[in-house]
Structure formats: C-alpha cells, structure tokens
PDB file of all heavy atoms in Angstrom:
ATOM      1  N   ARG A   1       0.826  -1.200   0.000  1.00  0.00           N
ATOM      2  CA  ARG A   1       0.000   0.000   0.000  1.00  0.00           C
ATOM      3  C   ARG A   1       0.868   1.261   0.000  1.00  0.00           C
ATOM      4  O   ARG A   1       1.959   1.282   0.560  1.00  0.00           O
ATOM      5  CB  ARG A   1      -0.887   0.023   1.249  1.00  0.00           C
ATOM      6  CG  ARG A   1      -2.192  -0.752   1.128  1.00  0.00           C
ATOM      7  CD  ARG A   1      -3.061  -0.348   2.294  1.00  0.00           C
ATOM      8  NE  ARG A   1      -4.378  -0.948   2.243  1.00  0.00           N
ATOM      9  CZ  ARG A   1      -4.815  -1.850   3.088  1.00  0.00           C
ATOM     10  NH1 ARG A   1      -4.036  -2.283   4.051  1.00  0.00           N
ATOM     11  NH2 ARG A   1      -6.049  -2.317   2.998  1.00  0.00           N
ATOM     12  N   GLN A   2       0.344   2.321  -0.590  1.00  0.00           N
ATOM     13  CA  GLN A   2       1.020   3.614  -0.569  1.00  0.00           C
ATOM     14  C   GLN A   2       0.964   4.201   0.839  1.00  0.00           C
ATOM     15  O   GLN A   2      -0.050   4.086   1.536  1.00  0.00           O
ATOM     16  CB  GLN A   2       0.339   4.551  -1.560  1.00  0.00           C
ATOM     17  CG  GLN A   2       1.013   5.903  -1.710  1.00  0.00           C
ATOM     18  CD  GLN A   2       0.289   6.776  -2.721  1.00  0.00           C
ATOM     19  OE1 GLN A   2      -0.502   6.293  -3.511  1.00  0.00           O
ATOM     20  NE2 GLN A   2       0.573   8.072  -2.673  1.00  0.00           N
ATOM     21  N   ARG A   3       2.056   4.802   1.267  1.00  0.00           N
ATOM     22  CA  ARG A   3       2.103   5.402   2.595  1.00  0.00           C
ATOM     23  C   ARG A   3       1.148   6.581   2.681  1.00  0.00           C
ATOM     24  O   ARG A   3       0.984   7.358   1.744  1.00  0.00           O
ATOM     25  CB  ARG A   3       3.521   5.876   2.917  1.00  0.00           C
ATOM     26  CG  ARG A   3       4.540   4.771   3.084  1.00  0.00           C
ATOM     27  CD  ARG A   3       4.331   3.952   4.333  1.00  0.00           C
ATOM     28  NE  ARG A   3       4.451   4.731   5.548  1.00  0.00           N
ATOM     29  CZ  ARG A   3       5.605   4.963   6.185  1.00  0.00           C
ATOM     30  NH1 ARG A   3       6.732   4.481   5.687  1.00  0.00           N
ATOM     31  NH2 ARG A   3       5.625   5.678   7.291  1.00  0.00           N
ATOM     32  N   ASN A   4       0.531   6.734   3.847  1.00  0.00           N
ATOM     33  CA  ASN A   4      -0.379   7.842   4.110  1.00  0.00           C
ATOM     34  C   ASN A   4       0.430   9.146   4.232  1.00  0.00           C
ATOM     35  O   ASN A   4       1.290   9.259   5.109  1.00  0.00           O
ATOM     36  CB  ASN A   4      -1.153   7.565   5.398  1.00  0.00           C
ATOM     37  CG  ASN A   4      -2.169   8.638   5.715  1.00  0.00           C
ATOM     38  OD1 ASN A   4      -2.298   9.627   4.992  1.00  0.00           O
ATOM     39  ND2 ASN A   4      -2.900   8.450   6.799  1.00  0.00           N
ATOM     40  N   PRO A   5       0.177  10.150   3.381  1.00  0.00           N
ATOM     41  CA  PRO A   5       0.965  11.396   3.439  1.00  0.00           C
ATOM     42  C   PRO A   5       0.894  12.080   4.807  1.00  0.00           C
ATOM     43  O   PRO A   5       1.902  12.625   5.279  1.00  0.00           O
ATOM     44  CB  PRO A   5       0.329  12.265   2.345  1.00  0.00           C
ATOM     45  CG  PRO A   5      -0.338  11.304   1.421  1.00  0.00           C
ATOM     46  CD  PRO A   5      -0.786  10.172   2.271  1.00  0.00           C
ATOM     47  N   GLU A   6      -0.272  12.064   5.432  1.00  0.00           N
ATOM     48  CA  GLU A   6      -0.418  12.694   6.743  1.00  0.00           C
ATOM     49  C   GLU A   6       0.426  11.971   7.788  1.00  0.00           C
ATOM     50  O   GLU A   6       1.071  12.600   8.639  1.00  0.00           O
ATOM     51  CB  GLU A   6      -1.888  12.705   7.150  1.00  0.00           C
ATOM     52  CG  GLU A   6      -2.187  13.355   8.490  1.00  0.00           C
ATOM     53  CD  GLU A   6      -1.858  14.844   8.508  1.00  0.00           C
ATOM     54  OE1 GLU A   6      -1.710  15.452   7.424  1.00  0.00           O
ATOM     55  OE2 GLU A   6      -1.728  15.394   9.620  1.00  0.00           O
ATOM     56  N   TYR A   7       0.432  10.635   7.700  1.00  0.00           N
ATOM     57  CA  TYR A   7       1.241   9.836   8.629  1.00  0.00           C
ATOM     58  C   TYR A   7       2.730  10.139   8.421  1.00  0.00           C
ATOM     59  O   TYR A   7       3.489  10.287   9.392  1.00  0.00           O
ATOM     60  CB  TYR A   7       0.952   8.351   8.412  1.00  0.00           C
ATOM     61  CG  TYR A   7       1.673   7.429   9.359  1.00  0.00           C
ATOM     62  CD1 TYR A   7       1.092   7.047  10.562  1.00  0.00           C
ATOM     63  CD2 TYR A   7       2.941   6.924   9.045  1.00  0.00           C
ATOM     64  CE1 TYR A   7       1.748   6.194  11.436  1.00  0.00           C
ATOM     65  CE2 TYR A   7       3.602   6.074   9.908  1.00  0.00           C
ATOM     66  CZ  TYR A   7       3.002   5.712  11.101  1.00  0.00           C
ATOM     67  OH  TYR A   7       3.656   4.871  11.974  1.00  0.00           O
ATOM     68  N   LYS A   8       3.145  10.231   7.160  1.00  0.00           N
ATOM     69  CA  LYS A   8       4.547  10.533   6.852  1.00  0.00           C
ATOM     70  C   LYS A   8       4.937  11.913   7.385  1.00  0.00           C
ATOM     71  O   LYS A   8       6.049  12.109   7.898  1.00  0.00           O
ATOM     72  CB  LYS A   8       4.770  10.479   5.337  1.00  0.00           C
ATOM     73  CG  LYS A   8       4.731   9.081   4.748  1.00  0.00           C
ATOM     74  CD  LYS A   8       4.771   9.100   3.231  1.00  0.00           C
ATOM     75  CE  LYS A   8       6.067   9.673   2.704  1.00  0.00           C
ATOM     76  NZ  LYS A   8       6.122   9.627   1.217  1.00  0.00           N
ATOM     77  N   ARG A   9       4.017  12.879   7.270  1.00  0.00           N
ATOM     78  CA  ARG A   9       4.300  14.230   7.741  1.00  0.00           C
ATOM     79  C   ARG A   9       4.519  14.249   9.250  1.00  0.00           C
ATOM     80  O   ARG A   9       5.491  14.828   9.752  1.00  0.00           O
ATOM     81  CB  ARG A   9       3.142  15.156   7.363  1.00  0.00           C
ATOM     82  CG  ARG A   9       3.376  16.632   7.709  1.00  0.00           C
ATOM     83  CD  ARG A   9       2.156  17.450   7.405  1.00  0.00           C
ATOM     84  NE  ARG A   9       1.042  17.086   8.249  1.00  0.00           N
ATOM     85  CZ  ARG A   9       0.885  17.528   9.508  1.00  0.00           C
ATOM     86  NH1 ARG A   9       1.785  18.333  10.053  1.00  0.00           N
ATOM     87  NH2 ARG A   9      -0.172  17.152  10.210  1.00  0.00           N
ATOM     88  N   VAL A  10       3.630  13.561   9.993  1.00  0.00           N
ATOM     89  CA  VAL A  10       3.750  13.526  11.451  1.00  0.00           C
ATOM     90  C   VAL A  10       5.008  12.753  11.858  1.00  0.00           C
ATOM     91  O   VAL A  10       5.727  13.152  12.786  1.00  0.00           O
ATOM     92  CB  VAL A  10       2.490  12.898  12.077  1.00  0.00           C
ATOM     93  CG1 VAL A  10       2.647  12.762  13.594  1.00  0.00           C
ATOM     94  CG2 VAL A  10       1.257  13.727  11.745  1.00  0.00           C
ATOM     95  N   ALA A  11       5.292  11.645  11.145  1.00  0.00           N
ATOM     96  CA  ALA A  11       6.485  10.846  11.448  1.00  0.00           C
ATOM     97  C   ALA A  11       7.754  11.655  11.213  1.00  0.00           C
ATOM     98  O   ALA A  11       8.729  11.547  11.981  1.00  0.00           O
ATOM     99  CB  ALA A  11       6.499   9.584  10.595  1.00  0.00           C
ATOM    100  N   SER A  12       7.751  12.478  10.154  1.00  0.00           N
ATOM    101  CA  SER A  12       8.918  13.307   9.859  1.00  0.00           C
ATOM    102  C   SER A  12       9.144  14.344  10.964  1.00  0.00           C
ATOM    103  O   SER A  12      10.292  14.567  11.389  1.00  0.00           O
ATOM    104  CB  SER A  12       8.719  14.005   8.513  1.00  0.00           C
ATOM    105  OG  SER A  12       9.788  14.873   8.231  1.00  0.00           O
ATOM    106  N   ARG A  13       8.059  14.945  11.429  1.00  0.00           N
ATOM    107  CA  ARG A  13       8.176  15.917  12.526  1.00  0.00           C
ATOM    108  C   ARG A  13       8.717  15.260  13.793  1.00  0.00           C
ATOM    109  O   ARG A  13       9.553  15.825  14.512  1.00  0.00           O
ATOM    110  CB  ARG A  13       6.810  16.546  12.808  1.00  0.00           C
ATOM    111  CG  ARG A  13       6.325  17.487  11.707  1.00  0.00           C
ATOM    112  CD  ARG A  13       4.892  17.908  11.936  1.00  0.00           C
ATOM    113  NE  ARG A  13       4.758  18.580  13.229  1.00  0.00           N
ATOM    114  CZ  ARG A  13       3.587  18.796  13.826  1.00  0.00           C
ATOM    115  NH1 ARG A  13       2.464  18.352  13.257  1.00  0.00           N
ATOM    116  NH2 ARG A  13       3.539  19.424  14.982  1.00  0.00           N
ATOM    117  N   LYS A  14       8.256  14.038  14.038  1.00  0.00           N
ATOM    118  CA  LYS A  14       8.724  13.315  15.231  1.00  0.00           C
ATOM    119  C   LYS A  14      10.212  12.991  15.104  1.00  0.00           C
ATOM    120  O   LYS A  14      10.988  13.160  16.065  1.00  0.00           O
ATOM    121  CB  LYS A  14       7.913  12.034  15.410  1.00  0.00           C
ATOM    122  CG  LYS A  14       8.374  11.178  16.582  1.00  0.00           C
ATOM    123  CD  LYS A  14       7.669   9.825  16.599  1.00  0.00           C
ATOM    124  CE  LYS A  14       8.294   8.910  17.633  1.00  0.00           C
ATOM    125  NZ  LYS A  14       7.693   7.557  17.615  1.00  0.00           N
ATOM    126  N   ASP A  15      10.644  12.510  13.917  1.00  0.00           N
ATOM    127  CA  ASP A  15      12.051  12.143  13.711  1.00  0.00           C
ATOM    128  C   ASP A  15      12.977  13.346  13.899  1.00  0.00           C
ATOM    129  O   ASP A  15      14.083  13.221  14.458  1.00  0.00           O
ATOM    130  CB  ASP A  15      12.239  11.556  12.308  1.00  0.00           C
ATOM    131  CG  ASP A  15      11.584  10.199  12.149  1.00  0.00           C
ATOM    132  OD1 ASP A  15      11.296   9.569  13.192  1.00  0.00           O
ATOM    133  OD2 ASP A  15      11.339   9.781  11.003  1.00  0.00           O
ATOM    134  N   LYS A  16      12.534  14.507  13.420  1.00  0.00           N
ATOM    135  CA  LYS A  16      13.354  15.716  13.573  1.00  0.00           C
ATOM    136  C   LYS A  16      13.569  16.046  15.049  1.00  0.00           C
ATOM    137  O   LYS A  16      14.672  16.437  15.460  1.00  0.00           O
ATOM    138  CB  LYS A  16      12.684  16.882  12.865  1.00  0.00           C
ATOM    139  CG  LYS A  16      12.737  16.802  11.349  1.00  0.00           C
ATOM    140  CD  LYS A  16      12.025  17.976  10.708  1.00  0.00           C
ATOM    141  CE  LYS A  16      12.070  17.886   9.175  1.00  0.00           C
ATOM    142  NZ  LYS A  16      11.336  19.016   8.541  1.00  0.00           N
ATOM    143  N   ARG A  17      12.519  15.898  15.848  1.00  0.00           N
ATOM    144  CA  ARG A  17      12.636  16.205  17.270  1.00  0.00           C
ATOM    145  C   ARG A  17      13.475  15.169  18.000  1.00  0.00           C
ATOM    146  O   ARG A  17      14.171  15.476  18.971  1.00  0.00           O
ATOM    147  CB  ARG A  17      11.240  16.320  17.890  1.00  0.00           C
ATOM    148  CG  ARG A  17      10.582  17.671  17.564  1.00  0.00           C
ATOM    149  CD  ARG A  17       9.065  17.612  17.678  1.00  0.00           C
ATOM    150  NE  ARG A  17       8.479  18.935  17.436  1.00  0.00           N
ATOM    151  CZ  ARG A  17       8.332  19.464  16.215  1.00  0.00           C
ATOM    152  NH1 ARG A  17       8.752  18.778  15.145  1.00  0.00           N
ATOM    153  NH2 ARG A  17       7.792  20.671  16.069  1.00  0.00           N
ATOM    154  N   VAL A  18      13.407  13.897  17.558  1.00  0.00           N
ATOM    155  CA  VAL A  18      14.239  12.853  18.164  1.00  0.00           C
ATOM    156  C   VAL A  18      15.723  13.160  17.912  1.00  0.00           C
ATOM    157  O   VAL A  18      16.560  13.026  18.820  1.00  0.00           O
ATOM    158  CB  VAL A  18      13.864  11.468  17.601  1.00  0.00           C
ATOM    159  CG1 VAL A  18      14.882  10.417  18.031  1.00  0.00           C
ATOM    160  CG2 VAL A  18      12.464  11.060  18.057  1.00  0.00           C
ATOM    161  N   LYS A  19      16.053  13.552  16.684  1.00  0.00           N
ATOM    162  CA  LYS A  19      17.439  13.901  16.374  1.00  0.00           C
ATOM    163  C   LYS A  19      17.900  15.132  17.168  1.00  0.00           C
ATOM    164  O   LYS A  19      19.039  15.196  17.656  1.00  0.00           O
ATOM    165  CB  LYS A  19      17.579  14.179  14.877  1.00  0.00           C
ATOM    166  CG  LYS A  19      17.414  12.938  14.003  1.00  0.00           C
ATOM    167  CD  LYS A  19      17.543  13.295  12.533  1.00  0.00           C
ATOM    168  CE  LYS A  19      17.358  12.062  11.662  1.00  0.00           C
ATOM    169  NZ  LYS A  19      17.438  12.393  10.204  1.00  0.00           N
ATOM    170  N   LYS A  20      16.992  16.097  17.267  1.00  0.00           N
ATOM    171  CA  LYS A  20      17.338  17.315  18.008  1.00  0.00           C
ATOM    172  C   LYS A  20      17.560  17.028  19.482  1.00  0.00           C
ATOM    173  O   LYS A  20      18.435  17.615  20.128  1.00  0.00           O
ATOM    174  CB  LYS A  20      16.214  18.337  17.829  1.00  0.00           C
ATOM    175  CG  LYS A  20      16.553  19.726  18.342  1.00  0.00           C
ATOM    176  CD  LYS A  20      15.448  20.703  17.990  1.00  0.00           C
ATOM    177  CE  LYS A  20      15.809  22.111  18.478  1.00  0.00           C
ATOM    178  NZ  LYS A  20      14.739  23.095  18.153  1.00  0.00           N
ATOM    179  N   LEU A  21      16.757  16.059  20.020  1.00  0.00           N
ATOM    180  CA  LEU A  21      16.875  15.697  21.433  1.00  0.00           C
ATOM    181  C   LEU A  21      18.245  15.104  21.739  1.00  0.00           C
ATOM    182  O   LEU A  21      18.813  15.328  22.822  1.00  0.00           O
ATOM    183  CB  LEU A  21      15.755  14.712  21.811  1.00  0.00           C
ATOM    184  CG  LEU A  21      15.751  14.186  23.239  1.00  0.00           C
ATOM    185  CD1 LEU A  21      15.533  15.341  24.240  1.00  0.00           C
ATOM    186  CD2 LEU A  21      14.684  13.112  23.420  1.00  0.00           C
ATOM    187  N   LYS A  22      18.816  14.338  20.798  1.00  0.00           N
ATOM    188  CA  LYS A  22      20.112  13.695  21.023  1.00  0.00           C
ATOM    189  C   LYS A  22      21.240  14.718  21.192  1.00  0.00           C
ATOM    190  O   LYS A  22      22.226  14.466  21.901  1.00  0.00           O
ATOM    191  CB  LYS A  22      20.428  12.759  19.860  1.00  0.00           C
ATOM    192  CG  LYS A  22      19.525  11.543  19.781  1.00  0.00           C
ATOM    193  CD  LYS A  22      19.894  10.668  18.598  1.00  0.00           C
ATOM    194  CE  LYS A  22      19.003   9.446  18.509  1.00  0.00           C
ATOM    195  NZ  LYS A  22      19.340   8.601  17.340  1.00  0.00           N
ATOM    196  N   ASN A  23      21.100  15.876  20.518  1.00  0.00           N
ATOM    197  CA  ASN A  23      22.165  16.895  20.561  1.00  0.00           C
ATOM    198  C   ASN A  23      21.889  18.019  21.556  1.00  0.00           C
ATOM    199  O   ASN A  23      22.743  18.886  21.756  1.00  0.00           O
ATOM    200  CB  ASN A  23      22.351  17.493  19.159  1.00  0.00           C
ATOM    201  CG  ASN A  23      22.745  16.450  18.134  1.00  0.00           C
ATOM    202  OD1 ASN A  23      23.512  15.550  18.444  1.00  0.00           O
ATOM    203  ND2 ASN A  23      22.215  16.571  16.918  1.00  0.00           N
ATOM    204  N   GLU A  24      20.694  18.019  22.137  1.00  0.00           N
ATOM    205  CA  GLU A  24      20.323  19.105  23.057  1.00  0.00           C
ATOM    206  C   GLU A  24      20.951  18.883  24.433  1.00  0.00           C
ATOM    207  O   GLU A  24      20.931  17.777  24.970  1.00  0.00           O
ATOM    208  CB  GLU A  24      18.792  19.168  23.175  1.00  0.00           C
ATOM    209  CG  GLU A  24      18.285  20.324  24.001  1.00  0.00           C
ATOM    210  CD  GLU A  24      18.724  21.672  23.445  1.00  0.00           C
ATOM    211  OE1 GLU A  24      18.372  22.002  22.286  1.00  0.00           O
ATOM    212  OE2 GLU A  24      19.467  22.376  24.185  1.00  0.00           O
ATOM    213  N   GLN A  25      21.489  19.987  24.999  1.00  0.00           N
ATOM    214  CA  GLN A  25      22.126  19.925  26.308  1.00  0.00           C
ATOM    215  C   GLN A  25      21.244  20.539  27.405  1.00  0.00           C
ATOM    216  O   GLN A  25      21.344  20.155  28.569  1.00  0.00           O
ATOM    217  CB  GLN A  25      23.481  20.657  26.264  1.00  0.00           C
ATOM    218  CG  GLN A  25      24.459  20.105  25.240  1.00  0.00           C
ATOM    219  CD  GLN A  25      24.850  18.675  25.544  1.00  0.00           C
ATOM    220  OE1 GLN A  25      24.985  18.300  26.726  1.00  0.00           O
ATOM    221  NE2 GLN A  25      25.030  17.862  24.492  1.00  0.00           N
ATOM    222  N   ASP A  26      20.403  21.445  27.043  1.00  0.00           N
ATOM    223  CA  ASP A  26      19.549  22.137  28.013  1.00  0.00           C
ATOM    224  C   ASP A  26      18.434  21.193  28.484  1.00  0.00           C
ATOM    225  O   ASP A  26      17.637  20.699  27.666  1.00  0.00           O
ATOM    226  CB  ASP A  26      18.962  23.394  27.375  1.00  0.00           C
ATOM    227  CG  ASP A  26      18.250  24.271  28.401  1.00  0.00           C
ATOM    228  OD1 ASP A  26      17.226  23.809  28.932  1.00  0.00           O
ATOM    229  OD2 ASP A  26      18.715  25.395  28.648  1.00  0.00           O
ATOM    230  N   GLU A  27      18.366  20.973  29.806  1.00  0.00           N
ATOM    231  CA  GLU A  27      17.390  20.033  30.364  1.00  0.00           C
ATOM    232  C   GLU A  27      15.962  20.519  30.165  1.00  0.00           C
ATOM    233  O   GLU A  27      15.045  19.722  29.952  1.00  0.00           O
ATOM    234  CB  GLU A  27      17.661  19.816  31.853  1.00  0.00           C
ATOM    235  CG  GLU A  27      18.933  19.053  32.146  1.00  0.00           C
ATOM    236  CD  GLU A  27      18.886  17.645  31.554  1.00  0.00           C
ATOM    237  OE1 GLU A  27      17.777  17.055  31.494  1.00  0.00           O
ATOM    238  OE2 GLU A  27      19.943  17.151  31.130  1.00  0.00           O
ATOM    239  N   GLN A  28      15.758  21.834  30.250  1.00  0.00           N
ATOM    240  CA  GLN A  28      14.407  22.373  30.073  1.00  0.00           C
ATOM    241  C   GLN A  28      13.928  22.143  28.639  1.00  0.00           C
ATOM    242  O   GLN A  28      12.774  21.736  28.411  1.00  0.00           O
ATOM    243  CB  GLN A  28      14.387  23.864  30.417  1.00  0.00           C
ATOM    244  CG  GLN A  28      12.980  24.463  30.370  1.00  0.00           C
ATOM    245  CD  GLN A  28      12.962  25.924  30.809  1.00  0.00           C
ATOM    246  OE1 GLN A  28      13.994  26.477  31.187  1.00  0.00           O
ATOM    247  NE2 GLN A  28      11.791  26.531  30.785  1.00  0.00           N
ATOM    248  N   LYS A  29      14.804  22.399  27.668  1.00  0.00           N
ATOM    249  CA  LYS A  29      14.438  22.169  26.271  1.00  0.00           C
ATOM    250  C   LYS A  29      14.249  20.671  25.977  1.00  0.00           C
ATOM    251  O   LYS A  29      13.413  20.281  25.151  1.00  0.00           O
ATOM    252  CB  LYS A  29      15.509  22.755  25.355  1.00  0.00           C
ATOM    253  CG  LYS A  29      15.556  24.275  25.367  1.00  0.00           C
ATOM    254  CD  LYS A  29      16.596  24.794  24.395  1.00  0.00           C
ATOM    255  CE  LYS A  29      16.626  26.326  24.372  1.00  0.00           C
ATOM    256  NZ  LYS A  29      17.636  26.845  23.428  1.00  0.00           N
ATOM    257  N   LYS A  30      15.048  19.829  26.670  1.00  0.00           N
ATOM    258  CA  LYS A  30      14.870  18.380  26.518  1.00  0.00           C
ATOM    259  C   LYS A  30      13.469  17.950  26.942  1.00  0.00           C
ATOM    260  O   LYS A  30      12.820  17.125  26.297  1.00  0.00           O
ATOM    261  CB  LYS A  30      15.908  17.620  27.350  1.00  0.00           C
ATOM    262  CG  LYS A  30      17.276  17.525  26.717  1.00  0.00           C
ATOM    263  CD  LYS A  30      18.171  16.628  27.561  1.00  0.00           C
ATOM    264  CE  LYS A  30      19.525  16.428  26.908  1.00  0.00           C
ATOM    265  NZ  LYS A  30      20.398  15.534  27.706  1.00  0.00           N
ATOM    266  N   GLY A  31      13.007  18.523  28.053  1.00  0.00           N
ATOM    267  CA  GLY A  31      11.675  18.193  28.534  1.00  0.00           C
ATOM    268  C   GLY A  31      10.592  18.579  27.544  1.00  0.00           C
ATOM    269  O   GLY A  31       9.619  17.831  27.328  1.00  0.00           O
ATOM    270  N   VAL A  32      10.756  19.764  26.934  1.00  0.00           N
ATOM    271  CA  VAL A  32       9.788  20.217  25.928  1.00  0.00           C
ATOM    272  C   VAL A  32       9.797  19.283  24.720  1.00  0.00           C
ATOM    273  O   VAL A  32       8.744  18.896  24.187  1.00  0.00           O
ATOM    274  CB  VAL A  32      10.110  21.659  25.498  1.00  0.00           C
ATOM    275  CG1 VAL A  32       9.204  22.079  24.334  1.00  0.00           C
ATOM    276  CG2 VAL A  32       9.947  22.624  26.660  1.00  0.00           C
ATOM    277  N   LEU A  33      10.997  18.892  24.272  1.00  0.00           N
ATOM    278  CA  LEU A  33      11.111  17.991  23.126  1.00  0.00           C
ATOM    279  C   LEU A  33      10.490  16.620  23.419  1.00  0.00           C
ATOM    280  O   LEU A  33       9.799  16.039  22.567  1.00  0.00           O
ATOM    281  CB  LEU A  33      12.582  17.823  22.730  1.00  0.00           C
ATOM    282  CG  LEU A  33      13.246  19.022  22.047  1.00  0.00           C
ATOM    283  CD1 LEU A  33      14.745  18.806  21.912  1.00  0.00           C
ATOM    284  CD2 LEU A  33      12.621  19.270  20.668  1.00  0.00           C
ATOM    285  N   ARG A  34      10.742  16.099  24.617  1.00  0.00           N
ATOM    286  CA  ARG A  34      10.149  14.795  24.988  1.00  0.00           C
ATOM    287  C   ARG A  34       8.628  14.880  24.977  1.00  0.00           C
ATOM    288  O   ARG A  34       7.937  13.954  24.537  1.00  0.00           O
ATOM    289  CB  ARG A  34      10.650  14.369  26.368  1.00  0.00           C
ATOM    290  CG  ARG A  34      12.114  13.963  26.410  1.00  0.00           C
ATOM    291  CD  ARG A  34      12.450  13.294  27.727  1.00  0.00           C
ATOM    292  NE  ARG A  34      13.871  12.991  27.828  1.00  0.00           N
ATOM    293  CZ  ARG A  34      14.751  13.736  28.487  1.00  0.00           C
ATOM    294  NH1 ARG A  34      14.343  14.855  29.113  1.00  0.00           N
ATOM    295  NH2 ARG A  34      16.026  13.386  28.534  1.00  0.00           N
ATOM    296  N   SER A  35       8.095  15.984  25.457  1.00  0.00           N
ATOM    297  CA  SER A  35       6.642  16.169  25.467  1.00  0.00           C
ATOM    298  C   SER A  35       6.088  16.226  24.041  1.00  0.00           C
ATOM    299  O   SER A  35       5.042  15.617  23.736  1.00  0.00           O
ATOM    300  CB  SER A  35       6.291  17.453  26.226  1.00  0.00           C
ATOM    301  OG  SER A  35       4.906  17.683  26.197  1.00  0.00           O
ATOM    302  N   GLU A  36       6.786  16.947  23.161  1.00  0.00           N
ATOM    303  CA  GLU A  36       6.343  17.039  21.767  1.00  0.00           C
ATOM    304  C   GLU A  36       6.441  15.687  21.068  1.00  0.00           C
ATOM    305  O   GLU A  36       5.561  15.313  20.271  1.00  0.00           O
ATOM    306  CB  GLU A  36       7.181  18.084  21.033  1.00  0.00           C
ATOM    307  CG  GLU A  36       6.907  19.511  21.483  1.00  0.00           C
ATOM    308  CD  GLU A  36       7.801  20.511  20.764  1.00  0.00           C
ATOM    309  OE1 GLU A  36       8.715  20.050  20.011  1.00  0.00           O
ATOM    310  OE2 GLU A  36       7.597  21.731  20.938  1.00  0.00           O
ATOM    311  N   ILE A  37       7.504  14.936  21.353  1.00  0.00           N
ATOM    312  CA  ILE A  37       7.679  13.600  20.742  1.00  0.00           C
ATOM    313  C   ILE A  37       6.551  12.670  21.180  1.00  0.00           C
ATOM    314  O   ILE A  37       5.974  11.929  20.367  1.00  0.00           O
ATOM    315  CB  ILE A  37       9.053  13.011  21.116  1.00  0.00           C
ATOM    316  CG1 ILE A  37      10.169  13.795  20.418  1.00  0.00           C
ATOM    317  CG2 ILE A  37       9.122  11.521  20.743  1.00  0.00           C
ATOM    318  CD1 ILE A  37      11.564  13.436  20.902  1.00  0.00           C
ATOM    319  N   ALA A  38       6.224  12.710  22.461  1.00  0.00           N
ATOM    320  CA  ALA A  38       5.142  11.863  22.971  1.00  0.00           C
ATOM    321  C   ALA A  38       3.811  12.235  22.329  1.00  0.00           C
ATOM    322  O   ALA A  38       2.997  11.369  21.973  1.00  0.00           O
ATOM    323  CB  ALA A  38       5.061  11.982  24.486  1.00  0.00           C
ATOM    324  N   SER A  39       3.566  13.539  22.169  1.00  0.00           N
ATOM    325  CA  SER A  39       2.329  14.003  21.544  1.00  0.00           C
ATOM    326  C   SER A  39       2.243  13.574  20.087  1.00  0.00           C
ATOM    327  O   SER A  39       1.196  13.105  19.614  1.00  0.00           O
ATOM    328  CB  SER A  39       2.253  15.533  21.647  1.00  0.00           C
ATOM    329  OG  SER A  39       1.098  16.007  20.979  1.00  0.00           O
ATOM    330  N   LEU A  40       3.356  13.695  19.362  1.00  0.00           N
ATOM    331  CA  LEU A  40       3.377  13.262  17.958  1.00  0.00           C
ATOM    332  C   LEU A  40       3.230  11.751  17.832  1.00  0.00           C
ATOM    333  O   LEU A  40       2.602  11.252  16.891  1.00  0.00           O
ATOM    334  CB  LEU A  40       4.686  13.721  17.303  1.00  0.00           C
ATOM    335  CG  LEU A  40       4.820  15.238  17.079  1.00  0.00           C
ATOM    336  CD1 LEU A  40       6.240  15.590  16.659  1.00  0.00           C
ATOM    337  CD2 LEU A  40       3.824  15.719  16.026  1.00  0.00           C
TER     338      LEU A  40
END
C-alpha cells in the first residue's frame, strides 16, 4: 500500500525532534522535546 501522506508528515516531525533531542544539552528544552515527541 502507498504510505499515508499525513502519517509521513507527522512521522517526519517526530524524527526531527528525536534527532534534536540527542544533541540538546539544556534540560528544560529536553523536557519540551520529549513532550512534543510523545504528543506526535
């Protein structure tokens, strides 16, 4: 089956935040990113 474009869009947003979380040093920003990842 063809991938759902909406699903791909949300997955892409989640992947970007996961990568950003790996390089983030600020604990407060890490918490925000974890919350956004969980929501996505």
